[in-house]
Amino acid sequence: MTGAPVVLGHSIAYLETEVIDMSDSRTHTIFIGKVIDAEVMADGEPMTYAYYHEIKRGKSPKTAPTYIKEGNKKEV
């Protein structure tokens, strides 16, 4: 493979962690990690969860706890 992996090639920063614990919260698994490496690779605006939903139009399935019915969009 040539060039940076897709994840790093389209990122402005990264965190590498060692998983030290995890917790099941029924809808998600929460991983607790110890940061072992990190780097800011470029200036820019990170893609946050709010950006993903507002700009990229990311949608949750109707059965998801995060589902927001069209027309009832909450301010983030």
PDB file of N, CA and C in Angstrom:
ATOM      1  N   MET A   1       0.860  -1.179   0.000  1.00  0.00           N
ATOM      2  CA  MET A   1       0.000   0.000   0.000  1.00  0.00           C
ATOM      3  C   MET A   1       0.898   1.230   0.000  1.00  0.00           C
ATOM      4  N   THR A   2       0.557   2.209  -0.830  1.00  0.00           N
ATOM      5  CA  THR A   2       1.332   3.441  -0.873  1.00  0.00           C
ATOM      6  C   THR A   2       0.551   4.570  -0.250  1.00  0.00           C
ATOM      7  N   GLY A   3       1.263   5.521   0.349  1.00  0.00           N
ATOM      8  CA  GLY A   3       0.605   6.658   0.985  1.00  0.00           C
ATOM      9  C   GLY A   3       0.086   6.297   2.359  1.00  0.00           C
ATOM     10  N   ALA A   4      -0.517   7.302   2.997  1.00  0.00           N
ATOM     11  CA  ALA A   4      -1.058   7.107   4.346  1.00  0.00           C
ATOM     12  C   ALA A   4      -2.350   6.302   4.284  1.00  0.00           C
ATOM     13  N   PRO A   5      -2.612   5.501   5.322  1.00  0.00           N
ATOM     14  CA  PRO A   5      -3.911   4.817   5.381  1.00  0.00           C
ATOM     15  C   PRO A   5      -5.037   5.853   5.310  1.00  0.00           C
ATOM     16  N   VAL A   6      -6.189   5.452   4.813  1.00  0.00           N
ATOM     17  CA  VAL A   6      -7.310   6.383   4.627  1.00  0.00           C
ATOM     18  C   VAL A   6      -7.630   7.139   5.908  1.00  0.00           C
ATOM     19  N   VAL A   7      -7.638   6.460   7.030  1.00  0.00           N
ATOM     20  CA  VAL A   7      -7.990   7.125   8.288  1.00  0.00           C
ATOM     21  C   VAL A   7      -7.023   8.267   8.571  1.00  0.00           C
ATOM     22  N   LEU A   8      -5.733   8.032   8.455  1.00  0.00           N
ATOM     23  CA  LEU A   8      -4.755   9.086   8.707  1.00  0.00           C
ATOM     24  C   LEU A   8      -4.695  10.083   7.554  1.00  0.00           C
ATOM     25  N   GLY A   9      -4.911   9.634   6.339  1.00  0.00           N
ATOM     26  CA  GLY A   9      -4.860  10.503   5.171  1.00  0.00           C
ATOM     27  C   GLY A   9      -5.949  11.564   5.154  1.00  0.00           C
ATOM     28  N   HIS A  10      -7.021  11.372   5.897  1.00  0.00           N
ATOM     29  CA  HIS A  10      -8.138  12.310   5.931  1.00  0.00           C
ATOM     30  C   HIS A  10      -8.366  12.852   7.340  1.00  0.00           C
ATOM     31  N   SER A  11      -7.325  12.825   8.158  1.00  0.00           N
ATOM     32  CA  SER A  11      -7.445  13.258   9.553  1.00  0.00           C
ATOM     33  C   SER A  11      -6.581  14.481   9.819  1.00  0.00           C
ATOM     34  N   ILE A  12      -6.960  15.248  10.842  1.00  0.00           N
ATOM     35  CA  ILE A  12      -6.130  16.377  11.245  1.00  0.00           C
ATOM     36  C   ILE A  12      -5.341  16.042  12.515  1.00  0.00           C
ATOM     37  N   ALA A  13      -5.718  14.957  13.181  1.00  0.00           N
ATOM     38  CA  ALA A  13      -5.023  14.540  14.395  1.00  0.00           C
ATOM     39  C   ALA A  13      -5.394  13.090  14.698  1.00  0.00           C
ATOM     40  N   TYR A  14      -4.658  12.502  15.624  1.00  0.00           N
ATOM     41  CA  TYR A  14      -5.019  11.157  16.065  1.00  0.00           C
ATOM     42  C   TYR A  14      -4.620  10.943  17.517  1.00  0.00           C
ATOM     43  N   LEU A  15      -5.285   9.981  18.135  1.00  0.00           N
ATOM     44  CA  LEU A  15      -4.949   9.486  19.464  1.00  0.00           C
ATOM     45  C   LEU A  15      -4.787   7.979  19.339  1.00  0.00           C
ATOM     46  N   GLU A  16      -3.730   7.461  19.911  1.00  0.00           N
ATOM     47  CA  GLU A  16      -3.561   6.013  19.988  1.00  0.00           C
ATOM     48  C   GLU A  16      -3.643   5.649  21.460  1.00  0.00           C
ATOM     49  N   THR A  17      -4.484   4.686  21.773  1.00  0.00           N
ATOM     50  CA  THR A  17      -4.681   4.328  23.178  1.00  0.00           C
ATOM     51  C   THR A  17      -4.504   2.837  23.410  1.00  0.00           C
ATOM     52  N   GLU A  18      -4.252   2.522  24.645  1.00  0.00           N
ATOM     53  CA  GLU A  18      -4.241   1.140  25.100  1.00  0.00           C
ATOM     54  C   GLU A  18      -5.524   0.967  25.907  1.00  0.00           C
ATOM     55  N   VAL A  19      -6.363   0.039  25.512  1.00  0.00           N
ATOM     56  CA  VAL A  19      -7.626  -0.181  26.225  1.00  0.00           C
ATOM     57  C   VAL A  19      -7.305  -0.765  27.601  1.00  0.00           C
ATOM     58  N   ILE A  20      -7.803  -0.081  28.640  1.00  0.00           N
ATOM     59  CA  ILE A  20      -7.567  -0.566  30.004  1.00  0.00           C
ATOM     60  C   ILE A  20      -8.849  -1.043  30.677  1.00  0.00           C
ATOM     61  N   ASP A  21     -10.008  -0.689  30.089  1.00  0.00           N
ATOM     62  CA  ASP A  21     -11.280  -1.152  30.627  1.00  0.00           C
ATOM     63  C   ASP A  21     -12.367  -0.890  29.598  1.00  0.00           C
ATOM     64  N   MET A  22     -13.508  -1.530  29.767  1.00  0.00           N
ATOM     65  CA  MET A  22     -14.651  -1.257  28.909  1.00  0.00           C
ATOM     66  C   MET A  22     -15.928  -1.503  29.682  1.00  0.00           C
ATOM     67  N   SER A  23     -16.998  -0.823  29.224  1.00  0.00           N
ATOM     68  CA  SER A  23     -18.274  -0.916  29.913  1.00  0.00           C
ATOM     69  C   SER A  23     -19.390  -0.991  28.878  1.00  0.00           C
ATOM     70  N   ASP A  24     -20.308  -1.906  29.071  1.00  0.00           N
ATOM     71  CA  ASP A  24     -21.453  -2.053  28.180  1.00  0.00           C
ATOM     72  C   ASP A  24     -22.575  -1.163  28.687  1.00  0.00           C
ATOM     73  N   SER A  25     -23.037  -0.226  27.855  1.00  0.00           N
ATOM     74  CA  SER A  25     -24.131   0.660  28.269  1.00  0.00           C
ATOM     75  C   SER A  25     -25.419   0.333  27.510  1.00  0.00           C
ATOM     76  N   ARG A  26     -25.594  -0.890  27.094  1.00  0.00           N
ATOM     77  CA  ARG A  26     -26.737  -1.437  26.351  1.00  0.00           C
ATOM     78  C   ARG A  26     -26.754  -1.019  24.888  1.00  0.00           C
ATOM     79  N   THR A  27     -26.601   0.267  24.564  1.00  0.00           N
ATOM     80  CA  THR A  27     -26.630   0.698  23.163  1.00  0.00           C
ATOM     81  C   THR A  27     -25.230   0.921  22.601  1.00  0.00           C
ATOM     82  N   HIS A  28     -24.232   1.011  23.473  1.00  0.00           N
ATOM     83  CA  HIS A  28     -22.859   1.249  23.055  1.00  0.00           C
ATOM     84  C   HIS A  28     -21.912   0.526  24.012  1.00  0.00           C
ATOM     85  N   THR A  29     -20.705   0.306  23.556  1.00  0.00           N
ATOM     86  CA  THR A  29     -19.647  -0.155  24.448  1.00  0.00           C
ATOM     87  C   THR A  29     -18.708   1.021  24.642  1.00  0.00           C
ATOM     88  N   ILE A  30     -18.445   1.374  25.881  1.00  0.00           N
ATOM     89  CA  ILE A  30     -17.560   2.483  26.202  1.00  0.00           C
ATOM     90  C   ILE A  30     -16.192   1.905  26.531  1.00  0.00           C
ATOM     91  N   PHE A  31     -15.166   2.354  25.793  1.00  0.00           N
ATOM     92  CA  PHE A  31     -13.805   1.904  26.029  1.00  0.00           C
ATOM     93  C   PHE A  31     -13.056   2.970  26.811  1.00  0.00           C
ATOM     94  N   ILE A  32     -12.366   2.569  27.859  1.00  0.00           N
ATOM     95  CA  ILE A  32     -11.521   3.461  28.655  1.00  0.00           C
ATOM     96  C   ILE A  32     -10.092   3.153  28.229  1.00  0.00           C
ATOM     97  N   GLY A  33      -9.368   4.203  27.828  1.00  0.00           N
ATOM     98  CA  GLY A  33      -8.027   3.964  27.329  1.00  0.00           C
ATOM     99  C   GLY A  33      -6.982   4.877  27.919  1.00  0.00           C
ATOM    100  N   LYS A  34      -5.758   4.398  27.909  1.00  0.00           N
ATOM    101  CA  LYS A  34      -4.586   5.168  28.322  1.00  0.00           C
ATOM    102  C   LYS A  34      -3.927   5.654  27.037  1.00  0.00           C
ATOM    103  N   VAL A  35      -3.770   6.973  26.887  1.00  0.00           N
ATOM    104  CA  VAL A  35      -3.169   7.527  25.669  1.00  0.00           C
ATOM    105  C   VAL A  35      -1.692   7.160  25.638  1.00  0.00           C
ATOM    106  N   ILE A  36      -1.270   6.522  24.535  1.00  0.00           N
ATOM    107  CA  ILE A  36       0.137   6.156  24.395  1.00  0.00           C
ATOM    108  C   ILE A  36       0.820   6.944  23.283  1.00  0.00           C
ATOM    109  N   ASP A  37       0.036   7.576  22.409  1.00  0.00           N
ATOM    110  CA  ASP A  37       0.602   8.424  21.358  1.00  0.00           C
ATOM    111  C   ASP A  37      -0.491   9.341  20.836  1.00  0.00           C
ATOM    112  N   ALA A  38      -0.099  10.528  20.397  1.00  0.00           N
ATOM    113  CA  ALA A  38      -1.047  11.487  19.834  1.00  0.00           C
ATOM    114  C   ALA A  38      -0.270  12.486  18.996  1.00  0.00           C
ATOM    115  N   GLU A  39      -0.939  13.015  17.978  1.00  0.00           N
ATOM    116  CA  GLU A  39      -0.289  14.022  17.142  1.00  0.00           C
ATOM    117  C   GLU A  39      -1.339  14.864  16.429  1.00  0.00           C
ATOM    118  N   VAL A  40      -1.108  16.177  16.386  1.00  0.00           N
ATOM    119  CA  VAL A  40      -1.884  17.071  15.539  1.00  0.00           C
ATOM    120  C   VAL A  40      -1.104  17.156  14.234  1.00  0.00           C
ATOM    121  N   MET A  41      -1.722  16.725  13.132  1.00  0.00           N
ATOM    122  CA  MET A  41      -1.013  16.626  11.860  1.00  0.00           C
ATOM    123  C   MET A  41      -1.301  17.783  10.913  1.00  0.00           C
ATOM    124  N   ALA A  42      -2.399  18.508  11.131  1.00  0.00           N
ATOM    125  CA  ALA A  42      -2.763  19.603  10.231  1.00  0.00           C
ATOM    126  C   ALA A  42      -3.729  20.543  10.939  1.00  0.00           C
ATOM    127  N   ASP A  43      -3.765  21.788  10.481  1.00  0.00           N
ATOM    128  CA  ASP A  43      -4.766  22.727  10.964  1.00  0.00           C
ATOM    129  C   ASP A  43      -6.087  22.404  10.295  1.00  0.00           C
ATOM    130  N   GLY A  44      -7.172  22.723  10.943  1.00  0.00           N
ATOM    131  CA  GLY A  44      -8.476  22.496  10.338  1.00  0.00           C
ATOM    132  C   GLY A  44      -9.553  22.327  11.373  1.00  0.00           C
ATOM    133  N   GLU A  45     -10.779  22.243  10.896  1.00  0.00           N
ATOM    134  CA  GLU A  45     -11.945  22.061  11.744  1.00  0.00           C
ATOM    135  C   GLU A  45     -12.246  20.559  11.827  1.00  0.00           C
ATOM    136  N   PRO A  46     -12.251  19.973  13.021  1.00  0.00           N
ATOM    137  CA  PRO A  46     -12.535  18.546  13.111  1.00  0.00           C
ATOM    138  C   PRO A  46     -14.002  18.246  12.819  1.00  0.00           C
ATOM    139  N   MET A  47     -14.272  17.040  12.333  1.00  0.00           N
ATOM    140  CA  MET A  47     -15.653  16.641  12.090  1.00  0.00           C
ATOM    141  C   MET A  47     -16.222  16.117  13.402  1.00  0.00           C
ATOM    142  N   THR A  48     -17.056  16.911  14.033  1.00  0.00           N
ATOM    143  CA  THR A  48     -17.696  16.518  15.277  1.00  0.00           C
ATOM    144  C   THR A  48     -18.973  15.735  14.976  1.00  0.00           C
ATOM    145  N   TYR A  49     -19.576  15.180  15.988  1.00  0.00           N
ATOM    146  CA  TYR A  49     -20.837  14.461  15.835  1.00  0.00           C
ATOM    147  C   TYR A  49     -21.931  15.404  15.320  1.00  0.00           C
ATOM    148  N   ALA A  50     -21.939  16.643  15.820  1.00  0.00           N
ATOM    149  CA  ALA A  50     -22.926  17.629  15.357  1.00  0.00           C
ATOM    150  C   ALA A  50     -22.708  17.950  13.881  1.00  0.00           C
ATOM    151  N   TYR A  51     -21.464  18.138  13.469  1.00  0.00           N
ATOM    152  CA  TYR A  51     -21.141  18.410  12.057  1.00  0.00           C
ATOM    153  C   TYR A  51     -21.598  17.245  11.184  1.00  0.00           C
ATOM    154  N   TYR A  52     -21.345  16.039  11.630  1.00  0.00           N
ATOM    155  CA  TYR A  52     -21.742  14.848  10.885  1.00  0.00           C
ATOM    156  C   TYR A  52     -23.244  14.852  10.608  1.00  0.00           C
ATOM    157  N   HIS A  53     -24.031  15.212  11.604  1.00  0.00           N
ATOM    158  CA  HIS A  53     -25.482  15.224  11.427  1.00  0.00           C
ATOM    159  C   HIS A  53     -25.970  16.431  10.640  1.00  0.00           C
ATOM    160  N   GLU A  54     -25.404  17.606  10.883  1.00  0.00           N
ATOM    161  CA  GLU A  54     -25.872  18.817  10.221  1.00  0.00           C
ATOM    162  C   GLU A  54     -25.381  18.945   8.780  1.00  0.00           C
ATOM    163  N   ILE A  55     -24.125  18.672   8.538  1.00  0.00           N
ATOM    164  CA  ILE A  55     -23.535  18.885   7.219  1.00  0.00           C
ATOM    165  C   ILE A  55     -23.536  17.618   6.382  1.00  0.00           C
ATOM    166  N   LYS A  56     -23.128  16.520   6.958  1.00  0.00           N
ATOM    167  CA  LYS A  56     -23.049  15.261   6.225  1.00  0.00           C
ATOM    168  C   LYS A  56     -24.387  14.529   6.190  1.00  0.00           C
ATOM    169  N   ARG A  57     -25.365  15.042   6.923  1.00  0.00           N
ATOM    170  CA  ARG A  57     -26.714  14.462   6.966  1.00  0.00           C
ATOM    171  C   ARG A  57     -26.729  13.037   7.489  1.00  0.00           C
ATOM    172  N   GLY A  58     -25.849  12.775   8.457  1.00  0.00           N
ATOM    173  CA  GLY A  58     -25.844  11.459   9.093  1.00  0.00           C
ATOM    174  C   GLY A  58     -27.166  11.259   9.814  1.00  0.00           C
ATOM    175  N   LYS A  59     -27.769  10.126   9.646  1.00  0.00           N
ATOM    176  CA  LYS A  59     -29.067   9.854  10.259  1.00  0.00           C
ATOM    177  C   LYS A  59     -29.004   8.577  11.071  1.00  0.00           C
ATOM    178  N   SER A  60     -29.729   8.575  12.153  1.00  0.00           N
ATOM    179  CA  SER A  60     -29.847   7.390  12.996  1.00  0.00           C
ATOM    180  C   SER A  60     -31.100   6.628  12.576  1.00  0.00           C
ATOM    181  N   PRO A  61     -31.077   5.286  12.692  1.00  0.00           N
ATOM    182  CA  PRO A  61     -32.289   4.524  12.395  1.00  0.00           C
ATOM    183  C   PRO A  61     -33.388   4.866  13.400  1.00  0.00           C
ATOM    184  N   LYS A  62     -34.636   4.679  13.004  1.00  0.00           N
ATOM    185  CA  LYS A  62     -35.782   5.026  13.868  1.00  0.00           C
ATOM    186  C   LYS A  62     -35.764   4.277  15.193  1.00  0.00           C
ATOM    187  N   THR A  63     -35.104   3.136  15.250  1.00  0.00           N
ATOM    188  CA  THR A  63     -35.051   2.357  16.485  1.00  0.00           C
ATOM    189  C   THR A  63     -33.908   2.777  17.413  1.00  0.00           C
ATOM    190  N   ALA A  64     -33.059   3.695  16.959  1.00  0.00           N
ATOM    191  CA  ALA A  64     -31.899   4.116  17.764  1.00  0.00           C
ATOM    192  C   ALA A  64     -32.308   5.133  18.823  1.00  0.00           C
ATOM    193  N   PRO A  65     -31.669   5.109  19.992  1.00  0.00           N
ATOM    194  CA  PRO A  65     -31.986   6.082  21.040  1.00  0.00           C
ATOM    195  C   PRO A  65     -31.659   7.518  20.626  1.00  0.00           C
ATOM    196  N   THR A  66     -30.796   7.691  19.635  1.00  0.00           N
ATOM    197  CA  THR A  66     -30.397   9.030  19.172  1.00  0.00           C
ATOM    198  C   THR A  66     -31.248   9.523  18.006  1.00  0.00           C
ATOM    199  N   TYR A  67     -32.264   8.743  17.609  1.00  0.00           N
ATOM    200  CA  TYR A  67     -33.102   9.130  16.468  1.00  0.00           C
ATOM    201  C   TYR A  67     -33.845  10.442  16.734  1.00  0.00           C
ATOM    202  N   ILE A  68     -33.808  11.343  15.753  1.00  0.00           N
ATOM    203  CA  ILE A  68     -34.541  12.602  15.828  1.00  0.00           C
ATOM    204  C   ILE A  68     -35.482  12.647  14.622  1.00  0.00           C
ATOM    205  N   LYS A  69     -36.762  12.722  14.886  1.00  0.00           N
ATOM    206  CA  LYS A  69     -37.766  12.753  13.827  1.00  0.00           C
ATOM    207  C   LYS A  69     -37.586  14.045  13.011  1.00  0.00           C
ATOM    208  N   GLU A  70     -37.673  13.928  11.673  1.00  0.00           N
ATOM    209  CA  GLU A  70     -37.561  15.098  10.797  1.00  0.00           C
ATOM    210  C   GLU A  70     -38.553  16.153  11.233  1.00  0.00           C
ATOM    211  N   GLY A  71     -38.105  17.416  11.257  1.00  0.00           N
ATOM    212  CA  GLY A  71     -38.968  18.507  11.688  1.00  0.00           C
ATOM    213  C   GLY A  71     -38.888  18.779  13.177  1.00  0.00           C
ATOM    214  N   ASN A  72     -38.318  17.856  13.932  1.00  0.00           N
ATOM    215  CA  ASN A  72     -38.162  18.023  15.376  1.00  0.00           C
ATOM    216  C   ASN A  72     -36.691  18.153  15.759  1.00  0.00           C
ATOM    217  N   LYS A  73     -35.887  18.621  14.830  1.00  0.00           N
ATOM    218  CA  LYS A  73     -34.441  18.688  15.056  1.00  0.00           C
ATOM    219  C   LYS A  73     -34.126  19.644  16.211  1.00  0.00           C
ATOM    220  N   LYS A  74     -33.331  19.159  17.153  1.00  0.00           N
ATOM    221  CA  LYS A  74     -32.928  19.944  18.305  1.00  0.00           C
ATOM    222  C   LYS A  74     -31.643  20.696  18.002  1.00  0.00           C
ATOM    223  N   GLU A  75     -31.470  21.851  18.619  1.00  0.00           N
ATOM    224  CA  GLU A  75     -30.222  22.589  18.506  1.00  0.00           C
ATOM    225  C   GLU A  75     -29.162  21.834  19.290  1.00  0.00           C
ATOM    226  N   VAL A  76     -27.959  21.723  18.724  1.00  0.00           N
ATOM    227  CA  VAL A  76     -26.859  21.020  19.402  1.00  0.00           C
ATOM    228  C   VAL A  76     -25.896  22.030  19.953  1.00  0.00           C
TER     229      VAL A  76
END
